[in-house]
Every structure is written in structure tokens, then in C-alpha cells.
Amino acid sequence: MKRLRLLSLLALLGVAALLPARAADAGANDGKKNYVHTLALADRVRIAIYQEDDLTSVTRIDARGKVNLPLIGEIVLGGLTIVDAQAAIENAYKDGRFLRNPQVTVSVEEYAPREVSIQGRVRNPGRYTLPIESTLTVVELVTKAGGIDDIGKGSAVTVTRILPDGTKKVFTVDVDSIIRGKRDTKIDDTTLLLQPGDIVYVPERLI
């Protein structure tokens, strides 16, 4: 009986040892599961139409967010997701009466440089490259930058973002609460994902 109990205990310990690894794997994959790529300026894209090989093109999104496609000419793709870009191209071919029921596939052949910067009271301020086909949160960027220094105010970290229409938006994120796992942490603070061009600033605490 004692031997049976010992074997059962060992089996439970073995399962428990696997759980953190599995949880870590799940966390590592969350970024890719939640990631939705938005086409950026200078992204190089391949646009193909089913059974219309002569209309296939590989082109780079220009500074105006546009590409030039056969028959339909210029169309804005910058700022759109892959799904929205496919729908926009399909509608353009249908509206122009070039194709009755086009089935468009858009894929990114080469990603434009995707960087964010972090300044202020962190140990390693500077520019950081966003991961390809994955996400990066404010807390993860702060960690990459060596963490907040002794006089940094982690409860008022700002993210400055330039929107597609040229306007500026500033978000304030309570990094301290997220790291400490406080229950009253705002949902927006934990779900805000960084986008190319974002500027993160960690202010100094008033002493």
C-alpha cells in the first residue's frame, strides 16, 4: 500500500512539473494568436487572383499607402489588415466590372522596418524592433529596456501614437499595477499592444 501511495505521489509531482512549461508555451504563443498584421508603408506584398495569373503582382506600398494594380490602378492598402485589403481589391475589380467574382489573396513578401522607441527613466532607452508576426506590450518593452530605474514613475507611462489620419493620440499605462498584478488594473492597460512608430516615455517621480 505504501509503495502504491509513493508511486501515485511521484506521478502527481511529474504532472505538476510539466504544468509550468506548458503554461509558458501557451503564453509564448499568445502573441502570435492575437496578432493581426496591419499593412504598413514600405511593406512588399504579393497580390494574386485565383485563375487570373496575368493579374498577379508583387509591389511595395508607397509613402501614400497605395499600390498600383493592373486594370484598377491605384488603391489604398496601407493601414488595412490582410483580410480588409483582400476585400478592398475584390470590390475594386467588381465595381470596375473587370471581374465578376474575384478571389484575391494578399501576402506579405517583405515586412517594412517595424520599430518603437522608449525614453525617460528606463535603464536602456532607445529604439527597439517589433517582433515579426507577433505582438509586444508596453510592459514587455519596458522589460527589454532593462526595467524602470529607481526614480521612474511606472504608474504613468505614456505611449504616443500617430494615427493614419496624421493626428496624435496619447495613452497612459500603469505599468506598476500590471507588474504587481493588482486587481484594479485597467483592462486597456493590459491589452494595449505597441504599433510601429509608437514612442513610450517613462516619467520621473516627484521626490
C-alpha atoms as a PDB file:
ATOM      1  CA  MET A   1       0.000   0.000   0.000  1.00  0.00           C
ATOM      2  CA  LYS A   2       2.852   2.375   0.887  1.00  0.00           C
ATOM      3  CA  ARG A   3       4.528   1.577  -2.431  1.00  0.00           C
ATOM      4  CA  LEU A   4       1.287   2.389  -4.292  1.00  0.00           C
ATOM      5  CA  ARG A   5       0.957   5.733  -2.477  1.00  0.00           C
ATOM      6  CA  LEU A   6       4.561   6.578  -3.274  1.00  0.00           C
ATOM      7  CA  LEU A   7       4.057   5.828  -6.973  1.00  0.00           C
ATOM      8  CA  SER A   8       0.900   7.961  -7.027  1.00  0.00           C
ATOM      9  CA  LEU A   9       2.726  10.853  -5.369  1.00  0.00           C
ATOM     10  CA  LEU A  10       5.573  10.643  -7.879  1.00  0.00           C
ATOM     11  CA  ALA A  11       3.093  10.637 -10.758  1.00  0.00           C
ATOM     12  CA  LEU A  12       1.383  13.775  -9.414  1.00  0.00           C
ATOM     13  CA  LEU A  13       4.732  15.521  -8.999  1.00  0.00           C
ATOM     14  CA  GLY A  14       5.602  14.667 -12.591  1.00  0.00           C
ATOM     15  CA  VAL A  15       2.374  16.209 -13.882  1.00  0.00           C
ATOM     16  CA  ALA A  16       2.914  19.297 -11.723  1.00  0.00           C
ATOM     17  CA  ALA A  17       6.398  19.715 -13.142  1.00  0.00           C
ATOM     18  CA  LEU A  18       5.005  19.774 -16.682  1.00  0.00           C
ATOM     19  CA  LEU A  19       2.344  22.408 -15.964  1.00  0.00           C
ATOM     20  CA  PRO A  20       4.629  25.488 -15.770  1.00  0.00           C
ATOM     21  CA  ALA A  21       6.327  24.531 -19.026  1.00  0.00           C
ATOM     22  CA  ARG A  22       3.000  24.097 -20.780  1.00  0.00           C
ATOM     23  CA  ALA A  23       1.743  27.389 -19.362  1.00  0.00           C
ATOM     24  CA  ALA A  24       4.898  29.112 -20.547  1.00  0.00           C
ATOM     25  CA  ASP A  25       4.465  27.631 -24.030  1.00  0.00           C
ATOM     26  CA  ALA A  26       0.870  28.875 -24.104  1.00  0.00           C
ATOM     27  CA  GLY A  27       1.995  32.358 -23.040  1.00  0.00           C
ATOM     28  CA  ALA A  28       4.666  32.413 -25.729  1.00  0.00           C
ATOM     29  CA  ASN A  29       2.087  31.562 -28.376  1.00  0.00           C
ATOM     30  CA  ASP A  30      -0.455  34.156 -27.200  1.00  0.00           C
ATOM     31  CA  GLY A  31       1.351  36.915 -29.084  1.00  0.00           C
ATOM     32  CA  LYS A  32       1.015  35.129 -32.410  1.00  0.00           C
ATOM     33  CA  LYS A  33      -2.585  34.048 -31.770  1.00  0.00           C
ATOM     34  CA  ASN A  34      -3.630  37.631 -31.027  1.00  0.00           C
ATOM     35  CA  TYR A  35      -1.519  39.216 -33.749  1.00  0.00           C
ATOM     36  CA  VAL A  36      -3.280  40.793 -36.726  1.00  0.00           C
ATOM     37  CA  HIS A  37      -0.875  42.449 -39.145  1.00  0.00           C
ATOM     38  CA  THR A  38      -1.774  45.867 -40.445  1.00  0.00           C
ATOM     39  CA  LEU A  39      -0.176  46.627 -43.809  1.00  0.00           C
ATOM     40  CA  ALA A  40       2.422  49.344 -43.386  1.00  0.00           C
ATOM     41  CA  LEU A  41       4.178  51.767 -45.692  1.00  0.00           C
ATOM     42  CA  ALA A  42       7.061  50.005 -47.484  1.00  0.00           C
ATOM     43  CA  ASP A  43       5.617  46.525 -46.897  1.00  0.00           C
ATOM     44  CA  ARG A  44       6.282  44.444 -50.029  1.00  0.00           C
ATOM     45  CA  VAL A  45       3.136  42.480 -50.874  1.00  0.00           C
ATOM     46  CA  ARG A  46       2.156  39.785 -53.332  1.00  0.00           C
ATOM     47  CA  ILE A  47      -1.360  40.114 -54.727  1.00  0.00           C
ATOM     48  CA  ALA A  48      -2.790  37.123 -56.565  1.00  0.00           C
ATOM     49  CA  ILE A  49      -6.229  36.480 -58.044  1.00  0.00           C
ATOM     50  CA  TYR A  50      -7.489  32.936 -58.429  1.00  0.00           C
ATOM     51  CA  GLN A  51      -7.344  31.771 -62.081  1.00  0.00           C
ATOM     52  CA  GLU A  52      -6.129  35.232 -63.161  1.00  0.00           C
ATOM     53  CA  ASP A  53      -2.364  34.704 -63.288  1.00  0.00           C
ATOM     54  CA  ASP A  54      -1.793  37.694 -65.563  1.00  0.00           C
ATOM     55  CA  LEU A  55      -3.117  39.981 -62.818  1.00  0.00           C
ATOM     56  CA  THR A  56      -0.691  38.731 -60.160  1.00  0.00           C
ATOM     57  CA  SER A  57       1.669  41.444 -58.932  1.00  0.00           C
ATOM     58  CA  VAL A  58       4.398  41.933 -56.351  1.00  0.00           C
ATOM     59  CA  THR A  59       4.655  45.547 -55.261  1.00  0.00           C
ATOM     60  CA  ARG A  60       5.648  47.772 -52.378  1.00  0.00           C
ATOM     61  CA  ILE A  61       3.172  50.021 -50.573  1.00  0.00           C
ATOM     62  CA  ASP A  62       4.265  53.595 -51.290  1.00  0.00           C
ATOM     63  CA  ALA A  63       4.520  56.604 -48.996  1.00  0.00           C
ATOM     64  CA  ARG A  64       0.840  57.392 -49.601  1.00  0.00           C
ATOM     65  CA  GLY A  65      -0.233  53.907 -48.545  1.00  0.00           C
ATOM     66  CA  LYS A  66      -1.094  52.958 -52.138  1.00  0.00           C
ATOM     67  CA  VAL A  67      -0.217  50.268 -54.672  1.00  0.00           C
ATOM     68  CA  ASN A  68      -0.767  50.292 -58.426  1.00  0.00           C
ATOM     69  CA  LEU A  69      -2.599  47.211 -59.734  1.00  0.00           C
ATOM     70  CA  PRO A  70      -3.434  46.039 -63.272  1.00  0.00           C
ATOM     71  CA  LEU A  71      -6.728  47.395 -64.653  1.00  0.00           C
ATOM     72  CA  ILE A  72      -7.868  49.170 -61.472  1.00  0.00           C
ATOM     73  CA  GLY A  73      -4.845  51.440 -60.980  1.00  0.00           C
ATOM     74  CA  GLU A  74      -4.053  52.896 -57.561  1.00  0.00           C
ATOM     75  CA  ILE A  75      -5.715  51.580 -54.418  1.00  0.00           C
ATOM     76  CA  VAL A  76      -5.043  52.300 -50.746  1.00  0.00           C
ATOM     77  CA  LEU A  77      -3.833  49.280 -48.752  1.00  0.00           C
ATOM     78  CA  GLY A  78      -1.731  50.963 -46.058  1.00  0.00           C
ATOM     79  CA  GLY A  79      -3.386  50.704 -42.650  1.00  0.00           C
ATOM     80  CA  LEU A  80      -5.605  47.770 -43.677  1.00  0.00           C
ATOM     81  CA  THR A  81      -5.452  44.237 -42.347  1.00  0.00           C
ATOM     82  CA  ILE A  82      -4.793  41.417 -44.831  1.00  0.00           C
ATOM     83  CA  VAL A  83      -8.485  40.478 -44.842  1.00  0.00           C
ATOM     84  CA  ASP A  84      -9.625  44.072 -45.381  1.00  0.00           C
ATOM     85  CA  ALA A  85      -7.050  44.579 -48.155  1.00  0.00           C
ATOM     86  CA  GLN A  86      -8.287  41.465 -49.965  1.00  0.00           C
ATOM     87  CA  ALA A  87     -11.879  42.687 -49.710  1.00  0.00           C
ATOM     88  CA  ALA A  88     -10.932  46.188 -50.972  1.00  0.00           C
ATOM     89  CA  ILE A  89      -9.188  44.769 -54.043  1.00  0.00           C
ATOM     90  CA  GLU A  90     -12.032  42.375 -54.786  1.00  0.00           C
ATOM     91  CA  ASN A  91     -14.549  45.220 -54.584  1.00  0.00           C
ATOM     92  CA  ALA A  92     -12.413  47.406 -56.865  1.00  0.00           C
ATOM     93  CA  TYR A  93     -12.315  44.720 -59.566  1.00  0.00           C
ATOM     94  CA  LYS A  94     -16.064  44.101 -59.219  1.00  0.00           C
ATOM     95  CA  ASP A  95     -17.027  47.794 -59.123  1.00  0.00           C
ATOM     96  CA  GLY A  96     -14.962  48.432 -62.227  1.00  0.00           C
ATOM     97  CA  ARG A  97     -16.664  45.452 -63.905  1.00  0.00           C
ATOM     98  CA  PHE A  98     -13.324  43.875 -64.703  1.00  0.00           C
ATOM     99  CA  LEU A  99     -14.082  40.619 -62.845  1.00  0.00           C
ATOM    100  CA  ARG A 100     -17.376  39.151 -61.743  1.00  0.00           C
ATOM    101  CA  ASN A 101     -16.283  37.238 -58.638  1.00  0.00           C
ATOM    102  CA  PRO A 102     -12.565  37.759 -57.959  1.00  0.00           C
ATOM    103  CA  GLN A 103     -10.902  35.726 -55.188  1.00  0.00           C
ATOM    104  CA  VAL A 104      -7.916  37.754 -54.019  1.00  0.00           C
ATOM    105  CA  THR A 105      -5.027  36.602 -51.843  1.00  0.00           C
ATOM    106  CA  VAL A 106      -2.681  39.147 -50.269  1.00  0.00           C
ATOM    107  CA  SER A 107       0.533  38.030 -48.590  1.00  0.00           C
ATOM    108  CA  VAL A 108       3.490  39.980 -47.217  1.00  0.00           C
ATOM    109  CA  GLU A 109       6.709  39.123 -49.045  1.00  0.00           C
ATOM    110  CA  GLU A 110       8.873  41.520 -47.035  1.00  0.00           C
ATOM    111  CA  TYR A 111       7.997  43.496 -43.940  1.00  0.00           C
ATOM    112  CA  ALA A 112       8.926  47.144 -43.604  1.00  0.00           C
ATOM    113  CA  PRO A 113      11.144  48.013 -40.623  1.00  0.00           C
ATOM    114  CA  ARG A 114       8.917  47.997 -37.539  1.00  0.00           C
ATOM    115  CA  GLU A 115      10.379  49.928 -34.632  1.00  0.00           C
ATOM    116  CA  VAL A 116       9.256  51.609 -31.430  1.00  0.00           C
ATOM    117  CA  SER A 117      11.235  53.827 -29.088  1.00  0.00           C
ATOM    118  CA  ILE A 118      11.321  54.129 -25.320  1.00  0.00           C
ATOM    119  CA  GLN A 119      12.684  57.155 -23.478  1.00  0.00           C
ATOM    120  CA  GLY A 120      12.829  58.535 -19.974  1.00  0.00           C
ATOM    121  CA  ARG A 121      13.549  56.685 -16.754  1.00  0.00           C
ATOM    122  CA  VAL A 122      14.486  53.232 -18.061  1.00  0.00           C
ATOM    123  CA  ARG A 123      17.927  51.684 -17.854  1.00  0.00           C
ATOM    124  CA  ASN A 124      18.412  51.193 -21.605  1.00  0.00           C
ATOM    125  CA  PRO A 125      16.428  53.815 -23.567  1.00  0.00           C
ATOM    126  CA  GLY A 126      16.478  53.657 -27.350  1.00  0.00           C
ATOM    127  CA  ARG A 127      14.819  52.099 -30.387  1.00  0.00           C
ATOM    128  CA  TYR A 128      13.608  48.508 -30.402  1.00  0.00           C
ATOM    129  CA  THR A 129      12.430  46.310 -33.262  1.00  0.00           C
ATOM    130  CA  LEU A 130       8.950  44.826 -33.018  1.00  0.00           C
ATOM    131  CA  PRO A 131       8.838  41.032 -33.488  1.00  0.00           C
ATOM    132  CA  ILE A 132       7.676  39.709 -36.862  1.00  0.00           C
ATOM    133  CA  GLU A 133       4.119  38.328 -36.853  1.00  0.00           C
ATOM    134  CA  SER A 134       3.862  38.688 -33.098  1.00  0.00           C
ATOM    135  CA  THR A 135       2.959  41.332 -30.539  1.00  0.00           C
ATOM    136  CA  LEU A 136       4.769  43.433 -27.955  1.00  0.00           C
ATOM    137  CA  THR A 137       3.139  45.088 -24.950  1.00  0.00           C
ATOM    138  CA  VAL A 138       4.298  48.164 -23.070  1.00  0.00           C
ATOM    139  CA  VAL A 139       5.394  46.023 -20.114  1.00  0.00           C
ATOM    140  CA  GLU A 140       7.419  43.749 -22.401  1.00  0.00           C
ATOM    141  CA  LEU A 141       9.156  46.761 -23.955  1.00  0.00           C
ATOM    142  CA  VAL A 142       9.954  48.191 -20.518  1.00  0.00           C
ATOM    143  CA  THR A 143      11.469  44.822 -19.599  1.00  0.00           C
ATOM    144  CA  LYS A 144      13.537  44.767 -22.812  1.00  0.00           C
ATOM    145  CA  ALA A 145      14.811  48.227 -21.909  1.00  0.00           C
ATOM    146  CA  GLY A 146      16.168  46.944 -18.599  1.00  0.00           C
ATOM    147  CA  GLY A 147      13.220  47.995 -16.471  1.00  0.00           C
ATOM    148  CA  ILE A 148      12.297  51.292 -14.811  1.00  0.00           C
ATOM    149  CA  ASP A 149      15.088  52.910 -12.811  1.00  0.00           C
ATOM    150  CA  ASP A 150      14.895  53.968  -9.157  1.00  0.00           C
ATOM    151  CA  ILE A 151      13.275  57.329  -9.808  1.00  0.00           C
ATOM    152  CA  GLY A 152      10.968  56.338 -12.669  1.00  0.00           C
ATOM    153  CA  LYS A 153       7.204  56.679 -12.286  1.00  0.00           C
ATOM    154  CA  GLY A 154       5.862  53.360 -13.564  1.00  0.00           C
ATOM    155  CA  SER A 155       2.257  54.261 -12.842  1.00  0.00           C
ATOM    156  CA  ALA A 156       2.163  56.959 -15.547  1.00  0.00           C
ATOM    157  CA  VAL A 157       3.972  55.554 -18.579  1.00  0.00           C
ATOM    158  CA  THR A 158       2.776  57.221 -21.785  1.00  0.00           C
ATOM    159  CA  VAL A 159       2.513  55.866 -25.319  1.00  0.00           C
ATOM    160  CA  THR A 160       2.365  58.458 -28.104  1.00  0.00           C
ATOM    161  CA  ARG A 161       0.955  57.169 -31.396  1.00  0.00           C
ATOM    162  CA  ILE A 162       0.463  58.888 -34.749  1.00  0.00           C
ATOM    163  CA  LEU A 163      -2.818  57.700 -36.286  1.00  0.00           C
ATOM    164  CA  PRO A 164      -3.300  57.058 -40.046  1.00  0.00           C
ATOM    165  CA  ASP A 165      -5.029  60.430 -40.452  1.00  0.00           C
ATOM    166  CA  GLY A 166      -1.970  62.223 -39.020  1.00  0.00           C
ATOM    167  CA  THR A 167      -3.481  63.029 -35.629  1.00  0.00           C
ATOM    168  CA  LYS A 168      -1.699  62.200 -32.390  1.00  0.00           C
ATOM    169  CA  LYS A 169      -3.081  60.052 -29.575  1.00  0.00           C
ATOM    170  CA  VAL A 170      -1.526  59.563 -26.149  1.00  0.00           C
ATOM    171  CA  PHE A 171      -2.255  56.561 -23.922  1.00  0.00           C
ATOM    172  CA  THR A 172      -1.287  56.359 -20.243  1.00  0.00           C
ATOM    173  CA  VAL A 173      -0.409  52.901 -18.916  1.00  0.00           C
ATOM    174  CA  ASP A 174       0.023  51.908 -15.256  1.00  0.00           C
ATOM    175  CA  VAL A 175       2.950  49.525 -15.714  1.00  0.00           C
ATOM    176  CA  ASP A 176       3.476  49.176 -11.946  1.00  0.00           C
ATOM    177  CA  SER A 177      -0.032  47.794 -11.414  1.00  0.00           C
ATOM    178  CA  ILE A 178       0.330  45.327 -14.270  1.00  0.00           C
ATOM    179  CA  ILE A 179       3.651  44.004 -12.960  1.00  0.00           C
ATOM    180  CA  ARG A 180       2.284  43.681  -9.417  1.00  0.00           C
ATOM    181  CA  GLY A 181      -0.895  42.010 -10.674  1.00  0.00           C
ATOM    182  CA  LYS A 182      -3.258  44.409  -8.944  1.00  0.00           C
ATOM    183  CA  ARG A 183      -6.942  43.570  -9.312  1.00  0.00           C
ATOM    184  CA  ASP A 184      -7.944  47.142 -10.102  1.00  0.00           C
ATOM    185  CA  THR A 185      -5.663  47.318 -13.147  1.00  0.00           C
ATOM    186  CA  LYS A 186      -7.462  48.827 -16.134  1.00  0.00           C
ATOM    187  CA  ILE A 187      -8.213  46.359 -18.944  1.00  0.00           C
ATOM    188  CA  ASP A 188      -6.891  48.859 -21.504  1.00  0.00           C
ATOM    189  CA  ASP A 189      -3.527  48.874 -19.751  1.00  0.00           C
ATOM    190  CA  THR A 190      -3.043  45.129 -20.141  1.00  0.00           C
ATOM    191  CA  THR A 191      -4.397  44.845 -23.697  1.00  0.00           C
ATOM    192  CA  LEU A 192      -2.611  47.809 -25.315  1.00  0.00           C
ATOM    193  CA  LEU A 193      -0.247  46.429 -27.952  1.00  0.00           C
ATOM    194  CA  LEU A 194       2.511  48.555 -29.418  1.00  0.00           C
ATOM    195  CA  GLN A 195       2.428  49.596 -33.059  1.00  0.00           C
ATOM    196  CA  PRO A 196       5.289  50.688 -35.351  1.00  0.00           C
ATOM    197  CA  GLY A 197       6.355  54.263 -34.613  1.00  0.00           C
ATOM    198  CA  ASP A 198       4.997  54.325 -31.046  1.00  0.00           C
ATOM    199  CA  ILE A 199       7.005  56.416 -28.568  1.00  0.00           C
ATOM    200  CA  VAL A 200       6.972  55.183 -24.966  1.00  0.00           C
ATOM    201  CA  TYR A 201       8.012  57.566 -22.190  1.00  0.00           C
ATOM    202  CA  VAL A 202       8.624  56.779 -18.531  1.00  0.00           C
ATOM    203  CA  PRO A 203       8.461  59.999 -16.467  1.00  0.00           C
ATOM    204  CA  GLU A 204      10.379  60.816 -13.308  1.00  0.00           C
ATOM    205  CA  ARG A 205       8.768  60.574  -9.885  1.00  0.00           C
ATOM    206  CA  LEU A 206       8.481  63.773  -7.879  1.00  0.00           C
ATOM    207  CA  ILE A 207      10.665  63.298  -4.833  1.00  0.00           C
END
